[in-house]
Amino acid sequence: MQKLHGTYVVMVTPFTGDGEVDYSGMRKNIEWWIGQKIHGLIPLGSTGEFASLSDAQKRRITETVIEQVNGRLPVVVGATAETTEKAIEYSLQAQDLGATALLILPPFYYAPSQDEIYSHYQRISKRVELPIMIYNNPFTSNVDIQPETIARMAELPNISYVKESSGDIKRITAIRELTNGSITVFCGWEDMAWESFAVGAEGWVCVIGNILPRAAAELYELVVANKDLNGGYDLYKRMLPILRYLEYAGKTQKALKYGLDKLGLCGGASSSPKLPLTEEEKLEIDKLLEQFEIN
């Protein structure tokens, strides 16, 4: 199986006004992202509001994305659950449906210890054949997977990637050192992408890619593929205001969906109890995006 690298859009889940998933709109978005030269797609991540979806919706989203992509890009399916048994169930389902790899948070409610985190991934890795991307996101999950634990897990079968979302650039260096490069690091922090690429990250699980996929993919191509740090930084500086907004304003899904709707694509509603953006918030997002030519 080919090694995963590049900029991967962690997809929004568009909802209709009555709370159902807009699957046809999702297909339209996928075609646009592929045309914009993105490197891969990730349904059922945090940006996709996985915690607000039923099991039936998760299955149908996985089926829809894999069917629409039809082998043109890697599809890394989120398979996070609070129990190991449920995470295994989601993982096996994604595998059966044709996923390329899995993205999995540790259990996030009962604050597992490092040994319990290790056991969680160990049990999953024994049951699936797909590559697994560990997802370390302490600010959302309230669970911080230490680099030493990641290094232990890197010795397990199928543990191949980590999405590092701690916001600490030193983590990437620590993981690379402790694993001797045996696990591939993906940046998971919007306004740390250039820095992450510069210190050895080979991918970006990317939020802004929902609405600026071409720019997000180009940043990877410049810095990682072409080793053009200066050219990449020039692009990155232009992107930083909107990257910071998405990382810190607390309106990530709503802002992305507003942007997609403005593009004539499908943003749709967000899951409850999220309220719509105000007119002032929409104007702020418009201003952040006005320098980018999006088509």
C-alpha atoms as a PDB file:
ATOM      1  CA  MET A   1       0.000   0.000   0.000  1.00  0.00           C
ATOM      2  CA  GLN A   2       1.318   3.451  -0.905  1.00  0.00           C
ATOM      3  CA  LYS A   3       2.527   5.764   1.823  1.00  0.00           C
ATOM      4  CA  LEU A   4       0.157   8.622   2.610  1.00  0.00           C
ATOM      5  CA  HIS A   5       1.461  12.172   2.331  1.00  0.00           C
ATOM      6  CA  GLY A   6       0.231  15.598   1.311  1.00  0.00           C
ATOM      7  CA  THR A   7      -2.691  17.829   2.250  1.00  0.00           C
ATOM      8  CA  TYR A   8      -5.853  15.990   3.281  1.00  0.00           C
ATOM      9  CA  VAL A   9      -9.155  17.827   3.636  1.00  0.00           C
ATOM     10  CA  VAL A  10     -10.900  16.906   6.867  1.00  0.00           C
ATOM     11  CA  MET A  11     -14.376  17.222   5.408  1.00  0.00           C
ATOM     12  CA  VAL A  12     -17.329  19.123   6.809  1.00  0.00           C
ATOM     13  CA  THR A  13     -20.602  17.229   7.017  1.00  0.00           C
ATOM     14  CA  PRO A  14     -23.342  19.306   5.366  1.00  0.00           C
ATOM     15  CA  PHE A  15     -26.734  19.088   7.048  1.00  0.00           C
ATOM     16  CA  THR A  16     -30.147  20.075   5.757  1.00  0.00           C
ATOM     17  CA  GLY A  17     -32.394  22.351   7.774  1.00  0.00           C
ATOM     18  CA  ASP A  18     -34.086  19.383   9.434  1.00  0.00           C
ATOM     19  CA  GLY A  19     -30.826  17.827  10.620  1.00  0.00           C
ATOM     20  CA  GLU A  20     -30.360  15.195   7.919  1.00  0.00           C
ATOM     21  CA  VAL A  21     -27.063  14.775   6.092  1.00  0.00           C
ATOM     22  CA  ASP A  22     -27.037  16.263   2.589  1.00  0.00           C
ATOM     23  CA  TYR A  23     -25.383  13.384   0.736  1.00  0.00           C
ATOM     24  CA  SER A  24     -25.847  14.837  -2.737  1.00  0.00           C
ATOM     25  CA  GLY A  25     -24.237  18.064  -1.577  1.00  0.00           C
ATOM     26  CA  MET A  26     -21.362  16.061  -0.138  1.00  0.00           C
ATOM     27  CA  ARG A  27     -20.794  14.429  -3.524  1.00  0.00           C
ATOM     28  CA  LYS A  28     -20.686  17.856  -5.169  1.00  0.00           C
ATOM     29  CA  ASN A  29     -18.059  19.042  -2.670  1.00  0.00           C
ATOM     30  CA  ILE A  30     -15.939  15.941  -3.267  1.00  0.00           C
ATOM     31  CA  GLU A  31     -15.817  16.541  -7.006  1.00  0.00           C
ATOM     32  CA  TRP A  32     -14.703  20.120  -6.447  1.00  0.00           C
ATOM     33  CA  TRP A  33     -11.983  19.130  -3.957  1.00  0.00           C
ATOM     34  CA  ILE A  34     -10.635  16.528  -6.366  1.00  0.00           C
ATOM     35  CA  GLY A  35     -10.604  19.097  -9.171  1.00  0.00           C
ATOM     36  CA  GLN A  36      -8.652  21.452  -6.906  1.00  0.00           C
ATOM     37  CA  LYS A  37      -5.828  18.876  -6.677  1.00  0.00           C
ATOM     38  CA  ILE A  38      -6.151  18.011  -3.011  1.00  0.00           C
ATOM     39  CA  HIS A  39      -4.160  14.931  -1.976  1.00  0.00           C
ATOM     40  CA  GLY A  40      -6.715  13.055   0.131  1.00  0.00           C
ATOM     41  CA  LEU A  41     -10.010  13.239   2.016  1.00  0.00           C
ATOM     42  CA  ILE A  42     -10.981  12.513   5.614  1.00  0.00           C
ATOM     43  CA  PRO A  43     -14.658  12.063   6.499  1.00  0.00           C
ATOM     44  CA  LEU A  44     -15.861  11.704  10.104  1.00  0.00           C
ATOM     45  CA  GLY A  45     -13.181  13.831  11.724  1.00  0.00           C
ATOM     46  CA  SER A  46     -13.719  16.581  14.285  1.00  0.00           C
ATOM     47  CA  THR A  47     -14.499  19.085  11.520  1.00  0.00           C
ATOM     48  CA  GLY A  48     -17.031  16.562  10.219  1.00  0.00           C
ATOM     49  CA  GLU A  49     -18.898  16.657  13.557  1.00  0.00           C
ATOM     50  CA  PHE A  50     -18.494  12.892  14.034  1.00  0.00           C
ATOM     51  CA  ALA A  51     -19.749  13.063  17.622  1.00  0.00           C
ATOM     52  CA  SER A  52     -23.106  14.423  16.413  1.00  0.00           C
ATOM     53  CA  LEU A  53     -23.783  11.622  13.911  1.00  0.00           C
ATOM     54  CA  SER A  54     -25.719   8.385  14.307  1.00  0.00           C
ATOM     55  CA  ASP A  55     -24.138   5.056  13.430  1.00  0.00           C
ATOM     56  CA  ALA A  56     -26.358   4.842  10.356  1.00  0.00           C
ATOM     57  CA  GLN A  57     -25.231   8.295   9.199  1.00  0.00           C
ATOM     58  CA  LYS A  58     -21.568   7.406   9.748  1.00  0.00           C
ATOM     59  CA  ARG A  59     -21.923   4.307   7.627  1.00  0.00           C
ATOM     60  CA  ARG A  60     -23.709   6.096   4.816  1.00  0.00           C
ATOM     61  CA  ILE A  61     -21.181   8.970   4.833  1.00  0.00           C
ATOM     62  CA  THR A  62     -18.350   6.443   4.546  1.00  0.00           C
ATOM     63  CA  GLU A  63     -20.123   4.671   1.699  1.00  0.00           C
ATOM     64  CA  THR A  64     -20.878   7.964  -0.072  1.00  0.00           C
ATOM     65  CA  VAL A  65     -17.331   9.319   0.102  1.00  0.00           C
ATOM     66  CA  ILE A  66     -15.643   6.082  -0.970  1.00  0.00           C
ATOM     67  CA  GLU A  67     -18.096   5.571  -3.812  1.00  0.00           C
ATOM     68  CA  GLN A  68     -17.771   9.149  -5.099  1.00  0.00           C
ATOM     69  CA  VAL A  69     -13.982   9.200  -4.862  1.00  0.00           C
ATOM     70  CA  ASN A  70     -13.861   5.859  -6.705  1.00  0.00           C
ATOM     71  CA  GLY A  71     -10.184   5.288  -6.074  1.00  0.00           C
ATOM     72  CA  ARG A  72      -8.998   8.689  -7.298  1.00  0.00           C
ATOM     73  CA  LEU A  73      -7.700   9.756  -3.875  1.00  0.00           C
ATOM     74  CA  PRO A  74      -6.933   8.085  -0.544  1.00  0.00           C
ATOM     75  CA  VAL A  75      -9.862   8.188   1.899  1.00  0.00           C
ATOM     76  CA  VAL A  76      -8.943   8.111   5.594  1.00  0.00           C
ATOM     77  CA  VAL A  77     -12.094   7.397   7.618  1.00  0.00           C
ATOM     78  CA  GLY A  78     -12.576   8.582  11.182  1.00  0.00           C
ATOM     79  CA  ALA A  79     -13.287   5.649  13.505  1.00  0.00           C
ATOM     80  CA  THR A  80     -13.214   7.257  16.946  1.00  0.00           C
ATOM     81  CA  ALA A  81     -15.340   5.884  19.785  1.00  0.00           C
ATOM     82  CA  GLU A  82     -15.363   6.020  23.567  1.00  0.00           C
ATOM     83  CA  THR A  83     -14.928   2.258  23.928  1.00  0.00           C
ATOM     84  CA  THR A  84     -12.364   0.085  22.233  1.00  0.00           C
ATOM     85  CA  GLU A  85     -15.046  -2.354  21.114  1.00  0.00           C
ATOM     86  CA  LYS A  86     -16.972   0.388  19.322  1.00  0.00           C
ATOM     87  CA  ALA A  87     -13.821   1.785  17.707  1.00  0.00           C
ATOM     88  CA  ILE A  88     -13.046  -1.711  16.399  1.00  0.00           C
ATOM     89  CA  GLU A  89     -16.581  -1.927  15.009  1.00  0.00           C
ATOM     90  CA  TYR A  90     -16.211   1.389  13.171  1.00  0.00           C
ATOM     91  CA  SER A  91     -12.745   0.410  11.941  1.00  0.00           C
ATOM     92  CA  LEU A  92     -13.858  -2.930  10.535  1.00  0.00           C
ATOM     93  CA  GLN A  93     -16.840  -1.266   8.878  1.00  0.00           C
ATOM     94  CA  ALA A  94     -14.604   1.306   7.180  1.00  0.00           C
ATOM     95  CA  GLN A  95     -12.238  -1.457   6.098  1.00  0.00           C
ATOM     96  CA  ASP A  96     -15.074  -3.494   4.615  1.00  0.00           C
ATOM     97  CA  LEU A  97     -16.367  -0.439   2.739  1.00  0.00           C
ATOM     98  CA  GLY A  98     -13.012   0.228   1.101  1.00  0.00           C
ATOM     99  CA  ALA A  99     -11.291   2.899   3.214  1.00  0.00           C
ATOM    100  CA  THR A 100      -7.598   3.563   2.629  1.00  0.00           C
ATOM    101  CA  ALA A 101      -6.739   4.147   6.289  1.00  0.00           C
ATOM    102  CA  LEU A 102      -8.271   5.056   9.660  1.00  0.00           C
ATOM    103  CA  LEU A 103      -8.096   8.185  11.834  1.00  0.00           C
ATOM    104  CA  ILE A 104      -8.665   7.408  15.520  1.00  0.00           C
ATOM    105  CA  LEU A 105      -8.715   9.589  18.634  1.00  0.00           C
ATOM    106  CA  PRO A 106      -8.134   7.983  22.027  1.00  0.00           C
ATOM    107  CA  PRO A 107     -11.242   7.583  24.205  1.00  0.00           C
ATOM    108  CA  PHE A 108     -11.991  11.135  25.241  1.00  0.00           C
ATOM    109  CA  TYR A 109     -14.489  11.181  28.109  1.00  0.00           C
ATOM    110  CA  TYR A 110     -13.020   9.078  30.916  1.00  0.00           C
ATOM    111  CA  ALA A 111      -9.435  10.396  30.602  1.00  0.00           C
ATOM    112  CA  PRO A 112      -7.518   7.159  30.016  1.00  0.00           C
ATOM    113  CA  SER A 113      -3.958   6.723  31.262  1.00  0.00           C
ATOM    114  CA  GLN A 114      -1.072   6.360  28.821  1.00  0.00           C
ATOM    115  CA  ASP A 115      -1.145   2.575  29.344  1.00  0.00           C
ATOM    116  CA  GLU A 116      -4.879   2.514  28.628  1.00  0.00           C
ATOM    117  CA  ILE A 117      -4.343   4.579  25.472  1.00  0.00           C
ATOM    118  CA  TYR A 118      -1.694   2.106  24.360  1.00  0.00           C
ATOM    119  CA  SER A 119      -4.016  -0.825  25.040  1.00  0.00           C
ATOM    120  CA  HIS A 120      -6.809   0.853  23.058  1.00  0.00           C
ATOM    121  CA  TYR A 121      -4.718   1.200  19.904  1.00  0.00           C
ATOM    122  CA  GLN A 122      -3.046  -2.162  20.417  1.00  0.00           C
ATOM    123  CA  ARG A 123      -6.370  -3.975  20.397  1.00  0.00           C
ATOM    124  CA  ILE A 124      -7.577  -2.073  17.321  1.00  0.00           C
ATOM    125  CA  SER A 125      -4.332  -2.695  15.446  1.00  0.00           C
ATOM    126  CA  LYS A 126      -4.672  -6.434  15.974  1.00  0.00           C
ATOM    127  CA  ARG A 127      -8.142  -6.511  14.434  1.00  0.00           C
ATOM    128  CA  VAL A 128      -7.702  -4.431  11.283  1.00  0.00           C
ATOM    129  CA  GLU A 129      -5.473  -4.573   8.231  1.00  0.00           C
ATOM    130  CA  LEU A 130      -5.619  -0.865   7.365  1.00  0.00           C
ATOM    131  CA  PRO A 131      -2.989   1.707   8.358  1.00  0.00           C
ATOM    132  CA  ILE A 132      -4.003   3.668  11.450  1.00  0.00           C
ATOM    133  CA  MET A 133      -3.417   7.386  12.003  1.00  0.00           C
ATOM    134  CA  ILE A 134      -3.266   8.196  15.707  1.00  0.00           C
ATOM    135  CA  TYR A 135      -5.070  11.454  16.405  1.00  0.00           C
ATOM    136  CA  ASN A 136      -3.601  13.466  19.274  1.00  0.00           C
ATOM    137  CA  ASN A 137      -5.854  16.455  20.001  1.00  0.00           C
ATOM    138  CA  PRO A 138      -5.572  17.326  23.703  1.00  0.00           C
ATOM    139  CA  PHE A 139      -7.461  20.623  23.449  1.00  0.00           C
ATOM    140  CA  THR A 140     -10.634  18.986  22.153  1.00  0.00           C
ATOM    141  CA  SER A 141     -10.393  15.496  23.623  1.00  0.00           C
ATOM    142  CA  ASN A 142      -8.736  16.495  26.927  1.00  0.00           C
ATOM    143  CA  VAL A 143      -6.401  13.527  26.424  1.00  0.00           C
ATOM    144  CA  ASP A 144      -2.768  14.129  25.520  1.00  0.00           C
ATOM    145  CA  ILE A 145      -0.888  11.195  24.000  1.00  0.00           C
ATOM    146  CA  GLN A 146       2.715  11.619  25.043  1.00  0.00           C
ATOM    147  CA  PRO A 147       5.482  11.178  22.438  1.00  0.00           C
ATOM    148  CA  GLU A 148       6.830   8.203  24.372  1.00  0.00           C
ATOM    149  CA  THR A 149       3.441   6.489  24.107  1.00  0.00           C
ATOM    150  CA  ILE A 150       3.312   7.209  20.379  1.00  0.00           C
ATOM    151  CA  ALA A 151       6.757   5.634  20.083  1.00  0.00           C
ATOM    152  CA  ARG A 152       5.505   2.500  21.836  1.00  0.00           C
ATOM    153  CA  MET A 153       2.504   2.326  19.537  1.00  0.00           C
ATOM    154  CA  ALA A 154       4.676   2.815  16.456  1.00  0.00           C
ATOM    155  CA  GLU A 155       5.986  -0.710  17.057  1.00  0.00           C
ATOM    156  CA  LEU A 156       2.484  -2.173  16.734  1.00  0.00           C
ATOM    157  CA  PRO A 157       1.184  -3.556  13.434  1.00  0.00           C
ATOM    158  CA  ASN A 158      -0.668  -1.021  11.272  1.00  0.00           C
ATOM    159  CA  ILE A 159       0.199   2.033  13.381  1.00  0.00           C
ATOM    160  CA  SER A 160       1.697   4.118  10.598  1.00  0.00           C
ATOM    161  CA  TYR A 161       0.749   7.787  11.065  1.00  0.00           C
ATOM    162  CA  VAL A 162       0.017  10.407  13.693  1.00  0.00           C
ATOM    163  CA  LYS A 163      -2.013  13.577  13.369  1.00  0.00           C
ATOM    164  CA  GLU A 164      -0.304  15.904  15.825  1.00  0.00           C
ATOM    165  CA  SER A 165      -2.717  18.557  17.105  1.00  0.00           C
ATOM    166  CA  SER A 166      -1.115  19.579  20.389  1.00  0.00           C
ATOM    167  CA  GLY A 167       0.010  22.940  18.997  1.00  0.00           C
ATOM    168  CA  ASP A 168       3.555  22.244  20.206  1.00  0.00           C
ATOM    169  CA  ILE A 169       6.007  22.207  17.303  1.00  0.00           C
ATOM    170  CA  LYS A 170       8.568  20.378  19.456  1.00  0.00           C
ATOM    171  CA  ARG A 171       6.298  17.331  19.516  1.00  0.00           C
ATOM    172  CA  ILE A 172       7.022  16.621  15.854  1.00  0.00           C
ATOM    173  CA  THR A 173      10.755  16.519  16.451  1.00  0.00           C
ATOM    174  CA  ALA A 174      10.304  14.368  19.566  1.00  0.00           C
ATOM    175  CA  ILE A 175       8.100  11.853  17.730  1.00  0.00           C
ATOM    176  CA  ARG A 176      10.510  11.625  14.811  1.00  0.00           C
ATOM    177  CA  GLU A 177      13.448  11.076  17.154  1.00  0.00           C
ATOM    178  CA  LEU A 178      11.727   8.536  19.388  1.00  0.00           C
ATOM    179  CA  THR A 179      10.377   6.495  16.462  1.00  0.00           C
ATOM    180  CA  ASN A 180      13.459   6.841  14.272  1.00  0.00           C
ATOM    181  CA  GLY A 181      11.137   8.009  11.521  1.00  0.00           C
ATOM    182  CA  SER A 182       9.043   4.832  11.562  1.00  0.00           C
ATOM    183  CA  ILE A 183       5.796   6.789  11.925  1.00  0.00           C
ATOM    184  CA  THR A 184       4.775   9.552   9.526  1.00  0.00           C
ATOM    185  CA  VAL A 185       3.693  12.826  11.115  1.00  0.00           C
ATOM    186  CA  PHE A 186       0.759  14.851   9.788  1.00  0.00           C
ATOM    187  CA  CYS A 187       0.263  18.402  11.036  1.00  0.00           C
ATOM    188  CA  GLY A 188      -3.109  18.845  12.714  1.00  0.00           C
ATOM    189  CA  TRP A 189      -2.890  22.528  13.671  1.00  0.00           C
ATOM    190  CA  GLU A 190      -3.932  25.152  11.136  1.00  0.00           C
ATOM    191  CA  ASP A 191      -1.472  27.954  11.865  1.00  0.00           C
ATOM    192  CA  MET A 192       1.461  25.592  12.327  1.00  0.00           C
ATOM    193  CA  ALA A 193       1.501  23.945   8.892  1.00  0.00           C
ATOM    194  CA  TRP A 194       4.589  25.636   7.418  1.00  0.00           C
ATOM    195  CA  GLU A 195       6.572  25.084  10.614  1.00  0.00           C
ATOM    196  CA  SER A 196       5.472  21.450  10.747  1.00  0.00           C
ATOM    197  CA  PHE A 197       6.566  20.813   7.176  1.00  0.00           C
ATOM    198  CA  ALA A 198       9.877  22.537   7.884  1.00  0.00           C
ATOM    199  CA  VAL A 199      10.694  20.163  10.758  1.00  0.00           C
ATOM    200  CA  GLY A 200       9.675  16.982   8.977  1.00  0.00           C
ATOM    201  CA  ALA A 201       5.904  16.566   8.855  1.00  0.00           C
ATOM    202  CA  GLU A 202       4.953  14.854   5.590  1.00  0.00           C
ATOM    203  CA  GLY A 203       1.255  15.670   5.615  1.00  0.00           C
ATOM    204  CA  TRP A 204      -1.403  18.090   6.817  1.00  0.00           C
ATOM    205  CA  VAL A 205      -4.872  17.132   8.040  1.00  0.00           C
ATOM    206  CA  CYS A 206      -6.269  20.384   6.853  1.00  0.00           C
ATOM    207  CA  VAL A 207      -9.357  22.395   7.861  1.00  0.00           C
ATOM    208  CA  ILE A 208      -8.855  25.341   5.479  1.00  0.00           C
ATOM    209  CA  GLY A 209      -8.748  22.848   2.602  1.00  0.00           C
ATOM    210  CA  ASN A 210     -12.535  22.766   2.683  1.00  0.00           C
ATOM    211  CA  ILE A 211     -12.650  26.251   1.135  1.00  0.00           C
ATOM    212  CA  LEU A 212      -9.061  26.888  -0.051  1.00  0.00           C
ATOM    213  CA  PRO A 213      -8.030  23.431  -1.215  1.00  0.00           C
ATOM    214  CA  ARG A 214      -5.734  24.579  -4.008  1.00  0.00           C
ATOM    215  CA  ALA A 215      -3.749  26.899  -1.739  1.00  0.00           C
ATOM    216  CA  ALA A 216      -3.535  24.242   0.981  1.00  0.00           C
ATOM    217  CA  ALA A 217      -2.248  21.639  -1.463  1.00  0.00           C
ATOM    218  CA  GLU A 218       0.189  24.154  -2.959  1.00  0.00           C
ATOM    219  CA  LEU A 219       1.700  24.852   0.478  1.00  0.00           C
ATOM    220  CA  TYR A 220       2.633  21.186   0.792  1.00  0.00           C
ATOM    221  CA  GLU A 221       3.974  21.061  -2.743  1.00  0.00           C
ATOM    222  CA  LEU A 222       6.157  24.126  -2.220  1.00  0.00           C
ATOM    223  CA  VAL A 223       7.637  23.244   1.156  1.00  0.00           C
ATOM    224  CA  VAL A 224       7.803  19.436   1.126  1.00  0.00           C
ATOM    225  CA  ALA A 225       7.868  18.370  -2.501  1.00  0.00           C
ATOM    226  CA  ASN A 226       9.893  21.282  -3.915  1.00  0.00           C
ATOM    227  CA  LYS A 227      11.888  22.223  -0.778  1.00  0.00           C
ATOM    228  CA  ASP A 228      10.978  25.866  -1.393  1.00  0.00           C
ATOM    229  CA  LEU A 229      10.735  27.175   2.160  1.00  0.00           C
ATOM    230  CA  ASN A 230      10.692  30.834   1.125  1.00  0.00           C
ATOM    231  CA  GLY A 231       8.047  30.402  -1.549  1.00  0.00           C
ATOM    232  CA  GLY A 232       5.961  28.352   0.849  1.00  0.00           C
ATOM    233  CA  TYR A 233       6.292  30.993   3.529  1.00  0.00           C
ATOM    234  CA  ASP A 234       5.057  33.718   1.207  1.00  0.00           C
ATOM    235  CA  LEU A 235       1.888  31.723   0.592  1.00  0.00           C
ATOM    236  CA  TYR A 236       1.602  30.805   4.270  1.00  0.00           C
ATOM    237  CA  LYS A 237       1.743  34.474   5.348  1.00  0.00           C
ATOM    238  CA  ARG A 238      -1.238  35.208   3.135  1.00  0.00           C
ATOM    239  CA  MET A 239      -3.135  32.276   4.627  1.00  0.00           C
ATOM    240  CA  LEU A 240      -2.317  32.940   8.276  1.00  0.00           C
ATOM    241  CA  PRO A 241      -5.208  35.314   9.136  1.00  0.00           C
ATOM    242  CA  ILE A 242      -7.880  32.821   8.033  1.00  0.00           C
ATOM    243  CA  LEU A 243      -5.899  29.890   9.484  1.00  0.00           C
ATOM    244  CA  ARG A 244      -5.800  31.641  12.862  1.00  0.00           C
ATOM    245  CA  TYR A 245      -9.486  32.452  12.688  1.00  0.00           C
ATOM    246  CA  LEU A 246     -10.362  28.815  12.064  1.00  0.00           C
ATOM    247  CA  GLU A 247      -8.069  27.617  14.838  1.00  0.00           C
ATOM    248  CA  TYR A 248      -9.103  30.032  17.580  1.00  0.00           C
ATOM    249  CA  ALA A 249     -12.476  31.687  16.896  1.00  0.00           C
ATOM    250  CA  GLY A 250     -14.572  28.674  17.881  1.00  0.00           C
ATOM    251  CA  LYS A 251     -16.664  28.779  14.699  1.00  0.00           C
ATOM    252  CA  THR A 252     -14.768  26.329  12.520  1.00  0.00           C
ATOM    253  CA  GLN A 253     -17.575  24.300  10.966  1.00  0.00           C
ATOM    254  CA  LYS A 254     -19.905  27.263  10.602  1.00  0.00           C
ATOM    255  CA  ALA A 255     -17.249  29.384   8.900  1.00  0.00           C
ATOM    256  CA  LEU A 256     -16.312  26.617   6.476  1.00  0.00           C
ATOM    257  CA  LYS A 257     -19.925  25.894   5.611  1.00  0.00           C
ATOM    258  CA  TYR A 258     -20.611  29.566   5.012  1.00  0.00           C
ATOM    259  CA  GLY A 259     -17.627  29.664   2.666  1.00  0.00           C
ATOM    260  CA  LEU A 260     -18.748  26.581   0.768  1.00  0.00           C
ATOM    261  CA  ASP A 261     -22.263  27.978   0.324  1.00  0.00           C
ATOM    262  CA  LYS A 262     -20.826  31.231  -1.031  1.00  0.00           C
ATOM    263  CA  LEU A 263     -18.879  29.193  -3.578  1.00  0.00           C
ATOM    264  CA  GLY A 264     -22.074  27.566  -4.799  1.00  0.00           C
ATOM    265  CA  LEU A 265     -21.114  24.280  -3.160  1.00  0.00           C
ATOM    266  CA  CYS A 266     -22.733  22.643  -0.148  1.00  0.00           C
ATOM    267  CA  GLY A 267     -21.957  23.890   3.321  1.00  0.00           C
ATOM    268  CA  GLY A 268     -25.435  23.621   4.700  1.00  0.00           C
ATOM    269  CA  ALA A 269     -26.364  23.743   8.339  1.00  0.00           C
ATOM    270  CA  SER A 270     -24.339  22.559  11.324  1.00  0.00           C
ATOM    271  CA  SER A 271     -25.451  20.003  13.871  1.00  0.00           C
ATOM    272  CA  SER A 272     -27.419  21.185  16.890  1.00  0.00           C
ATOM    273  CA  PRO A 273     -27.083  23.111  19.108  1.00  0.00           C
ATOM    274  CA  LYS A 274     -24.787  25.288  16.976  1.00  0.00           C
ATOM    275  CA  LEU A 275     -26.390  28.610  16.070  1.00  0.00           C
ATOM    276  CA  PRO A 276     -26.006  30.284  12.659  1.00  0.00           C
ATOM    277  CA  LEU A 277     -23.320  32.882  12.079  1.00  0.00           C
ATOM    278  CA  THR A 278     -24.299  36.491  12.663  1.00  0.00           C
ATOM    279  CA  GLU A 279     -24.101  38.996   9.823  1.00  0.00           C
ATOM    280  CA  GLU A 280     -21.067  40.577  11.517  1.00  0.00           C
ATOM    281  CA  GLU A 281     -19.313  37.198  11.629  1.00  0.00           C
ATOM    282  CA  LYS A 282     -20.046  36.604   7.953  1.00  0.00           C
ATOM    283  CA  LEU A 283     -18.533  39.967   7.057  1.00  0.00           C
ATOM    284  CA  GLU A 284     -15.412  39.110   9.059  1.00  0.00           C
ATOM    285  CA  ILE A 285     -15.011  35.846   7.145  1.00  0.00           C
ATOM    286  CA  ASP A 286     -15.610  37.634   3.831  1.00  0.00           C
ATOM    287  CA  LYS A 287     -12.803  40.051   4.645  1.00  0.00           C
ATOM    288  CA  LEU A 288     -10.409  37.212   5.546  1.00  0.00           C
ATOM    289  CA  LEU A 289     -11.090  35.460   2.247  1.00  0.00           C
ATOM    290  CA  GLU A 290     -11.277  38.441  -0.116  1.00  0.00           C
ATOM    291  CA  GLN A 291      -7.616  38.223  -1.178  1.00  0.00           C
ATOM    292  CA  PHE A 292      -8.031  34.680  -2.458  1.00  0.00           C
ATOM    293  CA  GLU A 293      -9.355  33.899  -5.893  1.00  0.00           C
ATOM    294  CA  ILE A 294     -11.528  30.827  -5.427  1.00  0.00           C
ATOM    295  CA  ASN A 295     -13.164  29.016  -8.336  1.00  0.00           C
END
